[in-house]
Amino acid sequence: MTESRKPLPHVPPFVERKTQPPRRNGVDTRGMLSVVTMLVSLGALTVSMLGAAKLVVDVFDDGLASSLGGILVKVVVLGLAFFFGWGIGLVSIRGFGNLVYPMVIKLYAWTCLAAVGFLYIKVIQKLYMQAYDGLHFWAYLVMLLGGLFVLICLHLLVEGHDLRPFAIPLLIISVLQLFVIVYRYVFTADANGWKLFGDFAIFFVMISLSALMLMHIGILSPLRDWINEIFSENEISNYNGNGVR
């Protein structure tokens, strides 16, 4: 005999509920802070770099003869404005993950390199004319080092930025200076031999810094690692505290 099978109970099909994405109330605070810090940093960096250009023009127009104390005050003010903009820019790029500002910083870095190259050529011209004193020579050297310092600071803002292409124009100008030195002290009769020390000092400083930039031996790596460590620890603390970056 066969047993009669009871019909299986009717089971309704599974109904998939449509999940709606969570609504965001308010504004994106992280994005807003990223934009605001970028604008603040960009304004401070622009003002400081324009002020530095004005200061360089004043030095070449014999502005050192008027007031050396006034020049030092201007340097301090410009340095404060630059470091303020640099610090805010670091927070915008590394802290808030701004993806637009690194492209702007790269453009500013190339602009700074062009300014340093023009300044270097102008200094070579002044050295060739030999119409300068000790104070102006040190002013020329400090201005060149200051321009390279600004370039390195901009380089540190962008993560993974390569500084080697920036060394090539400086090396070319250094070779140009070497040609000028040879022509000045070999093919002209009115050259002051004591001024040769100034020419060689500028040449060796610029060629050495350019070579270090080109070799890429990691001199700036400890500073870059320190910056990365600061912001990586900040990201971990934000994740543990809020659950999101």
Protein backbone atom coordinates (compact mmCIF):
# COMPACT_ATOMS: atom_id res chain seq x y z
CA MET A 1 0.00 0.00 0.00
CA THR A 2 1.14 3.47 -0.73
CA GLU A 3 0.77 6.16 1.80
CA SER A 4 -0.86 9.36 0.64
CA ARG A 5 1.52 12.26 0.73
CA LYS A 6 0.34 15.39 2.32
CA PRO A 7 0.76 18.48 0.20
CA LEU A 8 3.63 20.69 1.22
CA PRO A 9 2.67 23.91 2.85
CA HIS A 10 2.69 26.88 0.54
CA VAL A 11 5.77 28.98 1.19
CA PRO A 12 5.69 32.45 -0.28
CA PRO A 13 8.77 33.35 -2.32
CA PHE A 14 11.43 35.43 -0.76
CA VAL A 15 10.87 39.09 -1.29
CA GLU A 16 13.98 41.16 -1.64
CA ARG A 17 13.64 44.47 0.02
CA LYS A 18 15.15 47.37 -1.80
CA THR A 19 17.71 48.97 0.36
CA GLN A 20 18.09 52.66 -0.10
CA PRO A 21 21.47 54.29 0.34
CA PRO A 22 21.85 56.08 3.63
CA ARG A 23 20.92 59.68 3.42
CA ARG A 24 23.54 62.19 4.26
CA ASN A 25 22.25 64.94 6.38
CA GLY A 26 24.11 68.20 6.18
CA VAL A 27 27.32 68.93 4.26
CA ASP A 28 30.48 66.95 3.65
CA THR A 29 32.68 68.40 6.37
CA ARG A 30 35.85 66.69 5.19
CA GLY A 31 35.44 67.93 1.62
CA MET A 32 34.60 71.43 2.78
CA LEU A 33 37.68 71.59 5.00
CA SER A 34 39.80 70.26 2.15
CA VAL A 35 38.69 73.10 -0.13
CA VAL A 36 38.95 75.80 2.53
CA THR A 37 42.45 74.79 3.62
CA MET A 38 43.54 74.65 -0.03
CA LEU A 39 42.33 78.19 -0.68
CA VAL A 40 43.92 79.53 2.50
CA SER A 41 47.24 77.82 1.75
CA LEU A 42 47.20 78.93 -1.89
CA GLY A 43 46.58 82.52 -0.89
CA ALA A 44 49.40 82.55 1.66
CA LEU A 45 51.89 80.87 -0.69
CA THR A 46 51.00 83.23 -3.54
CA VAL A 47 51.39 86.34 -1.39
CA SER A 48 54.73 85.16 0.00
CA MET A 49 56.14 84.28 -3.43
CA LEU A 50 55.03 87.59 -4.96
CA GLY A 51 56.58 89.41 -2.02
CA ALA A 52 59.81 87.46 -2.48
CA ALA A 53 59.90 88.48 -6.15
CA LYS A 54 59.50 92.13 -5.13
CA LEU A 55 62.30 91.74 -2.58
CA VAL A 56 64.65 90.26 -5.19
CA VAL A 57 63.97 93.17 -7.52
CA ASP A 58 64.74 95.60 -4.69
CA VAL A 59 68.05 93.89 -3.94
CA PHE A 60 69.15 94.08 -7.57
CA ASP A 61 68.13 97.75 -7.64
CA ASP A 62 70.61 98.38 -4.82
CA GLY A 63 67.99 98.17 -2.12
CA LEU A 64 70.60 96.93 0.38
CA ALA A 65 72.17 100.36 0.52
CA SER A 66 69.01 101.95 1.93
CA SER A 67 68.11 99.86 4.96
CA LEU A 68 69.53 96.44 5.81
CA GLY A 69 67.25 96.18 8.83
CA GLY A 70 64.21 96.75 6.64
CA ILE A 71 65.33 93.92 4.35
CA LEU A 72 65.62 91.55 7.32
CA VAL A 73 62.12 92.49 8.51
CA LYS A 74 60.74 91.74 5.04
CA VAL A 75 62.48 88.36 5.01
CA VAL A 76 60.95 87.44 8.38
CA VAL A 77 57.45 88.48 7.26
CA LEU A 78 57.71 86.57 4.00
CA GLY A 79 59.06 83.50 5.78
CA LEU A 80 56.17 83.54 8.24
CA ALA A 81 53.62 83.81 5.41
CA PHE A 82 55.26 81.00 3.46
CA PHE A 83 55.49 78.56 6.37
CA PHE A 84 51.90 79.30 7.33
CA GLY A 85 50.73 78.50 3.80
CA TRP A 86 52.98 75.45 3.63
CA GLY A 87 51.64 74.02 6.89
CA ILE A 88 48.01 74.58 5.90
CA GLY A 89 48.72 73.03 2.51
CA LEU A 90 50.22 69.98 4.18
CA VAL A 91 47.05 69.54 6.22
CA SER A 92 44.90 69.95 3.10
CA ILE A 93 46.84 67.36 1.06
CA ARG A 94 47.87 64.82 3.67
CA GLY A 95 45.20 65.34 6.32
CA PHE A 96 42.05 65.88 4.23
CA GLY A 97 43.17 64.03 1.08
CA ASN A 98 42.87 66.94 -1.35
CA LEU A 99 43.49 65.58 -4.86
CA VAL A 100 43.45 68.90 -6.74
CA TYR A 101 45.97 70.84 -4.68
CA PRO A 102 48.95 68.55 -5.53
CA MET A 103 48.54 69.49 -9.19
CA VAL A 104 48.55 73.16 -8.27
CA ILE A 105 51.66 72.66 -6.12
CA LYS A 106 53.45 70.97 -9.03
CA LEU A 107 52.68 74.00 -11.18
CA TYR A 108 53.99 76.29 -8.45
CA ALA A 109 57.14 74.16 -8.18
CA TRP A 110 57.89 74.60 -11.88
CA THR A 111 57.20 78.32 -11.55
CA CYS A 112 59.62 78.48 -8.63
CA LEU A 113 62.24 76.63 -10.67
CA ALA A 114 61.83 79.12 -13.52
CA ALA A 115 62.28 81.99 -11.04
CA VAL A 116 65.41 80.39 -9.56
CA GLY A 117 66.82 79.84 -13.04
CA PHE A 118 66.19 83.48 -14.00
CA LEU A 119 67.72 84.61 -10.71
CA TYR A 120 70.76 82.41 -11.30
CA ILE A 121 71.32 83.94 -14.75
CA LYS A 122 70.96 87.43 -13.28
CA VAL A 123 73.54 86.61 -10.61
CA ILE A 124 75.93 85.31 -13.28
CA GLN A 125 75.54 88.63 -15.07
CA LYS A 126 76.33 90.57 -11.89
CA LEU A 127 79.36 88.37 -11.21
CA TYR A 128 80.64 88.91 -14.74
CA MET A 129 80.38 92.69 -14.40
CA GLN A 130 82.23 92.45 -11.03
CA ALA A 131 80.37 95.53 -9.82
CA TYR A 132 79.39 94.16 -6.42
CA ASP A 133 80.67 94.18 -2.86
CA GLY A 134 80.72 91.56 -0.15
CA LEU A 135 77.24 92.40 1.11
CA HIS A 136 75.68 92.02 -2.31
CA PHE A 137 77.54 88.77 -2.92
CA TRP A 138 76.08 87.22 0.23
CA ALA A 139 72.67 88.58 -0.74
CA TYR A 140 72.93 86.83 -4.12
CA LEU A 141 73.92 83.57 -2.47
CA VAL A 142 71.15 83.75 0.13
CA MET A 143 68.54 84.50 -2.55
CA LEU A 144 69.59 81.46 -4.59
CA LEU A 145 69.56 79.21 -1.53
CA GLY A 146 66.20 80.65 -0.50
CA GLY A 147 64.70 79.87 -3.90
CA LEU A 148 65.97 76.30 -3.75
CA PHE A 149 64.65 75.96 -0.20
CA VAL A 150 61.17 77.01 -1.36
CA LEU A 151 61.39 74.50 -4.20
CA ILE A 152 62.28 71.70 -1.78
CA CYS A 153 59.43 72.65 0.57
CA LEU A 154 56.96 72.50 -2.32
CA HIS A 155 58.45 69.14 -3.26
CA LEU A 156 57.74 67.79 0.23
CA LEU A 157 54.08 68.77 0.03
CA VAL A 158 53.30 66.25 -2.71
CA GLU A 159 53.67 62.59 -1.81
CA GLY A 160 55.84 60.64 -4.25
CA HIS A 161 57.05 63.76 -6.06
CA ASP A 162 60.27 63.38 -8.09
CA LEU A 163 62.81 66.18 -7.78
CA ARG A 164 65.29 64.91 -10.39
CA PRO A 165 63.77 66.67 -13.45
CA PHE A 166 64.17 69.99 -11.63
CA ALA A 167 67.94 69.52 -11.45
CA ILE A 168 68.48 69.42 -15.21
CA PRO A 169 67.86 73.14 -15.95
CA LEU A 170 70.06 74.12 -13.00
CA LEU A 171 72.88 71.93 -14.27
CA ILE A 172 72.62 73.52 -17.71
CA ILE A 173 72.84 77.01 -16.20
CA SER A 174 75.81 75.89 -14.08
CA VAL A 175 77.66 74.81 -17.24
CA LEU A 176 76.79 78.21 -18.73
CA GLN A 177 78.33 79.89 -15.68
CA LEU A 178 81.48 77.83 -16.13
CA PHE A 179 81.80 79.08 -19.72
CA VAL A 180 81.30 82.66 -18.49
CA ILE A 181 84.00 82.23 -15.82
CA VAL A 182 86.50 80.87 -18.35
CA TYR A 183 85.78 83.70 -20.79
CA ARG A 184 85.94 86.38 -18.08
CA TYR A 185 89.27 85.37 -16.57
CA VAL A 186 91.02 84.05 -19.68
CA PHE A 187 89.84 86.10 -22.66
CA THR A 188 89.45 89.52 -20.99
CA ALA A 189 92.22 91.67 -19.61
CA ASP A 190 90.37 93.76 -17.01
CA ALA A 191 89.22 90.90 -14.75
CA ASN A 192 89.75 91.28 -11.00
CA GLY A 193 91.37 88.02 -9.86
CA TRP A 194 90.06 88.37 -6.32
CA LYS A 195 86.48 88.17 -7.57
CA LEU A 196 87.18 84.63 -8.80
CA PHE A 197 86.38 83.30 -5.31
CA GLY A 198 82.85 84.67 -5.58
CA ASP A 199 82.31 83.04 -8.97
CA PHE A 200 83.60 79.69 -7.80
CA ALA A 201 81.57 79.84 -4.57
CA ILE A 202 78.29 80.34 -6.43
CA PHE A 203 79.26 77.72 -9.01
CA PHE A 204 80.17 75.00 -6.50
CA VAL A 205 77.09 75.62 -4.35
CA MET A 206 74.70 75.41 -7.30
CA ILE A 207 76.40 72.49 -9.01
CA SER A 208 76.54 70.55 -5.73
CA LEU A 209 72.86 71.06 -4.91
CA SER A 210 71.85 70.24 -8.48
CA ALA A 211 73.92 67.04 -8.39
CA LEU A 212 72.34 65.99 -5.09
CA MET A 213 68.89 66.56 -6.56
CA LEU A 214 69.79 64.55 -9.65
CA MET A 215 71.38 61.61 -7.79
CA HIS A 216 68.26 61.12 -5.64
CA ILE A 217 70.17 59.53 -2.77
CA GLY A 218 67.41 60.03 -0.20
CA ILE A 219 68.66 63.00 1.83
CA LEU A 220 65.09 64.21 2.28
CA SER A 221 63.72 60.73 3.03
CA PRO A 222 63.86 61.04 6.86
CA LEU A 223 61.88 64.29 6.74
CA ARG A 224 59.35 62.85 4.29
CA ASP A 225 58.98 59.69 6.41
CA TRP A 226 58.44 61.82 9.51
CA ILE A 227 55.66 63.75 7.75
CA ASN A 228 54.06 60.52 6.51
CA GLU A 229 54.22 59.06 10.02
CA ILE A 230 52.45 62.05 11.53
CA PHE A 231 49.52 61.87 9.14
CA SER A 232 49.32 58.07 9.14
CA GLU A 233 48.94 58.11 12.94
CA ASN A 234 46.26 60.78 12.56
CA GLU A 235 44.34 58.62 10.09
CA ILE A 236 44.47 55.60 12.43
CA SER A 237 43.19 57.65 15.37
CA ASN A 238 40.33 59.03 13.28
CA TYR A 239 39.37 55.53 12.14
CA ASN A 240 39.37 54.14 15.68
CA GLY A 241 37.42 57.05 17.04
CA ASN A 242 34.80 57.65 14.37
CA GLY A 243 34.74 54.43 12.37
CA VAL A 244 35.52 56.29 9.17
CA ARG A 245 38.47 58.19 7.80
